[in-house]
Amino acid sequence: METSPPARGGVTSGMRKLMHQHLRDNPTDAEKLLWRQLRMKRIDGVRFRRQYPIGPYIGDFVCLPARLIVEADGGQHATDKGRDERRTA
């Protein structure tokens, strides 16, 4: 099986797909609660997408027309403050 060349930080596209799938399959409790309210256009009829790739990051919830990204931070962000600050910027 051939993989694409490493992207930024040495991550291949196959690795990114696996990380994306892991995030979708293992949401935090905060993400589960928030998704219950955002799904099915329950908030003002606005559509949100879940675990949407944006550059080297994956936004928890994204509303493309409003150009809005909602991040539901949890314990997973406590281990690498520098990366979390870069993502937020």
N, C-alpha and C. Protein backbone atom coordinates (compact mmCIF):
# COMPACT_ATOMS: atom_id res chain seq x y z
N MET A 1 0.85 -1.18 0.00
CA MET A 1 0.00 0.00 0.00
C MET A 1 0.89 1.24 0.00
N GLU A 2 0.62 2.14 -0.89
CA GLU A 2 1.42 3.35 -1.00
C GLU A 2 0.78 4.47 -0.21
N THR A 3 1.60 5.20 0.53
CA THR A 3 1.08 6.34 1.29
C THR A 3 1.62 7.62 0.68
N SER A 4 0.94 8.70 0.92
CA SER A 4 1.40 9.98 0.41
C SER A 4 2.58 10.46 1.23
N PRO A 5 3.38 11.39 0.68
CA PRO A 5 4.54 11.88 1.41
C PRO A 5 4.12 12.60 2.69
N PRO A 6 5.02 12.64 3.68
CA PRO A 6 4.68 13.30 4.95
C PRO A 6 4.30 14.76 4.74
N ALA A 7 3.25 15.17 5.43
CA ALA A 7 2.83 16.58 5.42
C ALA A 7 3.60 17.29 6.52
N ARG A 8 3.17 18.48 6.89
CA ARG A 8 3.82 19.22 7.97
C ARG A 8 3.97 18.36 9.21
N GLY A 9 5.13 18.42 9.82
CA GLY A 9 5.36 17.69 11.05
C GLY A 9 5.54 16.20 10.85
N GLY A 10 5.73 15.75 9.58
CA GLY A 10 5.96 14.35 9.31
C GLY A 10 4.72 13.48 9.39
N VAL A 11 3.55 14.05 9.28
CA VAL A 11 2.30 13.28 9.36
C VAL A 11 1.80 13.01 7.96
N THR A 12 1.58 11.74 7.64
CA THR A 12 1.08 11.38 6.31
C THR A 12 -0.44 11.57 6.27
N SER A 13 -0.99 11.59 5.08
CA SER A 13 -2.44 11.75 4.95
C SER A 13 -3.17 10.55 5.56
N GLY A 14 -2.57 9.36 5.48
CA GLY A 14 -3.17 8.19 6.10
C GLY A 14 -3.23 8.32 7.61
N MET A 15 -2.17 8.89 8.19
CA MET A 15 -2.15 9.10 9.64
C MET A 15 -3.21 10.12 10.04
N ARG A 16 -3.37 11.17 9.23
CA ARG A 16 -4.38 12.18 9.52
C ARG A 16 -5.78 11.57 9.49
N LYS A 17 -6.04 10.67 8.54
CA LYS A 17 -7.34 10.02 8.45
C LYS A 17 -7.60 9.17 9.69
N LEU A 18 -6.57 8.45 10.16
CA LEU A 18 -6.73 7.64 11.36
C LEU A 18 -7.00 8.51 12.58
N MET A 19 -6.29 9.64 12.70
CA MET A 19 -6.51 10.55 13.84
C MET A 19 -7.92 11.11 13.78
N HIS A 20 -8.36 11.51 12.58
CA HIS A 20 -9.70 12.07 12.40
C HIS A 20 -10.76 11.04 12.80
N GLN A 21 -10.59 9.79 12.35
CA GLN A 21 -11.54 8.74 12.69
C GLN A 21 -11.56 8.47 14.20
N HIS A 22 -10.37 8.49 14.82
CA HIS A 22 -10.29 8.27 16.27
C HIS A 22 -11.06 9.37 17.02
N LEU A 23 -10.91 10.63 16.59
CA LEU A 23 -11.62 11.73 17.24
C LEU A 23 -13.13 11.58 17.08
N ARG A 24 -13.58 11.16 15.90
CA ARG A 24 -15.02 11.00 15.67
C ARG A 24 -15.58 9.84 16.50
N ASP A 25 -14.80 8.78 16.63
CA ASP A 25 -15.27 7.59 17.34
C ASP A 25 -15.16 7.69 18.85
N ASN A 26 -14.39 8.66 19.35
CA ASN A 26 -14.14 8.77 20.79
C ASN A 26 -14.35 10.20 21.30
N PRO A 27 -15.57 10.72 21.18
CA PRO A 27 -15.81 12.10 21.63
C PRO A 27 -15.73 12.20 23.16
N THR A 28 -15.35 13.39 23.63
CA THR A 28 -15.35 13.64 25.06
C THR A 28 -16.79 13.82 25.53
N ASP A 29 -17.01 13.80 26.82
CA ASP A 29 -18.36 14.01 27.35
C ASP A 29 -18.89 15.38 26.94
N ALA A 30 -18.01 16.40 26.97
CA ALA A 30 -18.43 17.75 26.57
C ALA A 30 -18.85 17.78 25.11
N GLU A 31 -18.12 17.08 24.24
CA GLU A 31 -18.47 17.05 22.82
C GLU A 31 -19.80 16.33 22.60
N LYS A 32 -20.05 15.26 23.33
CA LYS A 32 -21.32 14.54 23.20
C LYS A 32 -22.50 15.45 23.57
N LEU A 33 -22.37 16.15 24.69
CA LEU A 33 -23.46 17.04 25.13
C LEU A 33 -23.70 18.17 24.14
N LEU A 34 -22.62 18.78 23.67
CA LEU A 34 -22.75 19.89 22.73
C LEU A 34 -23.32 19.42 21.40
N TRP A 35 -22.88 18.27 20.91
CA TRP A 35 -23.36 17.77 19.63
C TRP A 35 -24.86 17.50 19.66
N ARG A 36 -25.37 17.07 20.81
CA ARG A 36 -26.83 16.85 20.93
C ARG A 36 -27.60 18.13 20.63
N GLN A 37 -27.05 19.27 20.97
CA GLN A 37 -27.73 20.55 20.73
C GLN A 37 -27.46 21.10 19.33
N LEU A 38 -26.29 20.82 18.78
CA LEU A 38 -25.93 21.38 17.49
C LEU A 38 -26.46 20.58 16.29
N ARG A 39 -26.62 19.29 16.48
CA ARG A 39 -27.04 18.46 15.36
C ARG A 39 -28.47 18.75 14.94
N MET A 40 -28.80 18.35 13.76
CA MET A 40 -30.16 18.50 13.23
C MET A 40 -30.62 19.96 13.17
N LYS A 41 -29.71 20.88 13.05
CA LYS A 41 -30.02 22.31 12.90
C LYS A 41 -30.94 22.82 14.01
N ARG A 42 -30.73 22.35 15.23
CA ARG A 42 -31.59 22.72 16.35
C ARG A 42 -31.39 24.16 16.82
N ILE A 43 -30.25 24.74 16.52
CA ILE A 43 -29.97 26.11 16.97
C ILE A 43 -30.15 27.05 15.78
N ASP A 44 -31.26 27.73 15.74
CA ASP A 44 -31.55 28.74 14.71
C ASP A 44 -31.46 28.21 13.29
N GLY A 45 -31.63 26.92 13.09
CA GLY A 45 -31.58 26.33 11.76
C GLY A 45 -30.21 26.33 11.11
N VAL A 46 -29.17 26.55 11.90
CA VAL A 46 -27.80 26.60 11.37
C VAL A 46 -27.19 25.21 11.39
N ARG A 47 -26.51 24.84 10.31
CA ARG A 47 -25.89 23.53 10.22
C ARG A 47 -24.45 23.57 10.72
N PHE A 48 -24.13 22.65 11.61
CA PHE A 48 -22.76 22.48 12.09
C PHE A 48 -22.24 21.15 11.59
N ARG A 49 -20.95 21.10 11.32
CA ARG A 49 -20.27 19.86 10.97
C ARG A 49 -19.40 19.46 12.15
N ARG A 50 -19.26 18.18 12.35
CA ARG A 50 -18.52 17.66 13.50
C ARG A 50 -17.16 17.14 13.05
N GLN A 51 -16.10 17.45 13.82
CA GLN A 51 -14.74 16.99 13.53
C GLN A 51 -14.35 17.32 12.10
N TYR A 52 -14.33 18.63 11.79
CA TYR A 52 -14.08 19.11 10.44
C TYR A 52 -12.61 19.51 10.30
N PRO A 53 -11.88 18.93 9.32
CA PRO A 53 -10.46 19.28 9.14
C PRO A 53 -10.29 20.71 8.62
N ILE A 54 -9.40 21.45 9.27
CA ILE A 54 -9.08 22.82 8.87
C ILE A 54 -7.56 22.94 8.94
N GLY A 55 -6.90 22.92 7.78
CA GLY A 55 -5.44 22.95 7.76
C GLY A 55 -4.90 21.77 8.54
N PRO A 56 -3.92 22.02 9.42
CA PRO A 56 -3.35 20.91 10.20
C PRO A 56 -4.17 20.55 11.43
N TYR A 57 -5.32 21.18 11.63
CA TYR A 57 -6.14 20.96 12.82
C TYR A 57 -7.48 20.34 12.44
N ILE A 58 -8.19 19.88 13.45
CA ILE A 58 -9.55 19.36 13.25
C ILE A 58 -10.44 20.10 14.24
N GLY A 59 -11.37 20.91 13.71
CA GLY A 59 -12.29 21.66 14.57
C GLY A 59 -13.37 20.74 15.10
N ASP A 60 -13.68 20.85 16.38
CA ASP A 60 -14.72 19.99 16.96
C ASP A 60 -16.06 20.19 16.26
N PHE A 61 -16.49 21.45 16.15
CA PHE A 61 -17.75 21.77 15.49
C PHE A 61 -17.54 23.01 14.63
N VAL A 62 -18.00 22.95 13.38
CA VAL A 62 -17.75 24.04 12.45
C VAL A 62 -19.04 24.41 11.73
N CYS A 63 -19.33 25.71 11.69
CA CYS A 63 -20.44 26.23 10.89
C CYS A 63 -19.79 27.02 9.76
N LEU A 64 -19.76 26.44 8.56
CA LEU A 64 -19.06 27.07 7.45
C LEU A 64 -19.65 28.41 7.02
N PRO A 65 -20.98 28.54 6.85
CA PRO A 65 -21.52 29.84 6.42
C PRO A 65 -21.21 30.97 7.41
N ALA A 66 -21.21 30.67 8.69
CA ALA A 66 -20.95 31.70 9.71
C ALA A 66 -19.45 31.87 9.99
N ARG A 67 -18.62 31.00 9.37
CA ARG A 67 -17.17 31.02 9.61
C ARG A 67 -16.89 30.92 11.12
N LEU A 68 -17.56 29.96 11.75
CA LEU A 68 -17.48 29.79 13.20
C LEU A 68 -16.96 28.39 13.53
N ILE A 69 -15.98 28.34 14.43
CA ILE A 69 -15.44 27.08 14.92
C ILE A 69 -15.66 27.03 16.42
N VAL A 70 -16.24 25.93 16.90
CA VAL A 70 -16.46 25.75 18.33
C VAL A 70 -15.57 24.60 18.79
N GLU A 71 -14.70 24.88 19.74
CA GLU A 71 -13.81 23.88 20.32
C GLU A 71 -14.30 23.55 21.71
N ALA A 72 -14.55 22.27 21.97
CA ALA A 72 -14.96 21.83 23.30
C ALA A 72 -13.72 21.26 23.99
N ASP A 73 -12.98 22.12 24.66
CA ASP A 73 -11.74 21.70 25.31
C ASP A 73 -12.03 20.76 26.47
N GLY A 74 -11.12 19.86 26.66
CA GLY A 74 -11.22 18.92 27.77
C GLY A 74 -9.83 18.57 28.23
N GLY A 75 -9.70 17.51 28.97
CA GLY A 75 -8.42 17.10 29.53
C GLY A 75 -7.35 16.81 28.49
N GLN A 76 -7.74 16.45 27.26
CA GLN A 76 -6.76 16.13 26.24
C GLN A 76 -5.91 17.33 25.86
N HIS A 77 -6.37 18.54 26.15
CA HIS A 77 -5.61 19.74 25.81
C HIS A 77 -4.64 20.15 26.91
N ALA A 78 -4.69 19.52 28.05
CA ALA A 78 -3.84 19.90 29.17
C ALA A 78 -2.40 19.44 29.00
N THR A 79 -2.15 18.50 28.12
CA THR A 79 -0.81 17.94 28.00
C THR A 79 0.12 18.79 27.15
N ASP A 80 -0.38 19.56 26.24
CA ASP A 80 0.48 20.35 25.35
C ASP A 80 -0.09 21.77 25.21
N LYS A 81 0.22 22.60 26.19
CA LYS A 81 -0.32 23.97 26.22
C LYS A 81 0.13 24.77 24.99
N GLY A 82 1.38 24.59 24.56
CA GLY A 82 1.89 25.35 23.41
C GLY A 82 1.11 25.07 22.15
N ARG A 83 0.82 23.80 21.89
CA ARG A 83 0.07 23.43 20.69
C ARG A 83 -1.36 23.96 20.79
N ASP A 84 -1.94 23.89 21.98
CA ASP A 84 -3.29 24.38 22.19
C ASP A 84 -3.35 25.89 21.93
N GLU A 85 -2.34 26.64 22.38
CA GLU A 85 -2.32 28.08 22.16
C GLU A 85 -2.15 28.40 20.67
N ARG A 86 -1.32 27.64 19.96
CA ARG A 86 -1.14 27.85 18.50
C ARG A 86 -2.45 27.57 17.77
N ARG A 87 -3.15 26.51 18.16
CA ARG A 87 -4.42 26.17 17.52
C ARG A 87 -5.45 27.26 17.75
N THR A 88 -5.50 27.76 18.98
CA THR A 88 -6.45 28.82 19.31
C THR A 88 -6.18 30.09 18.51
N ALA A 89 -4.90 30.43 18.35
CA ALA A 89 -4.53 31.62 17.58
C ALA A 89 -4.98 31.48 16.13
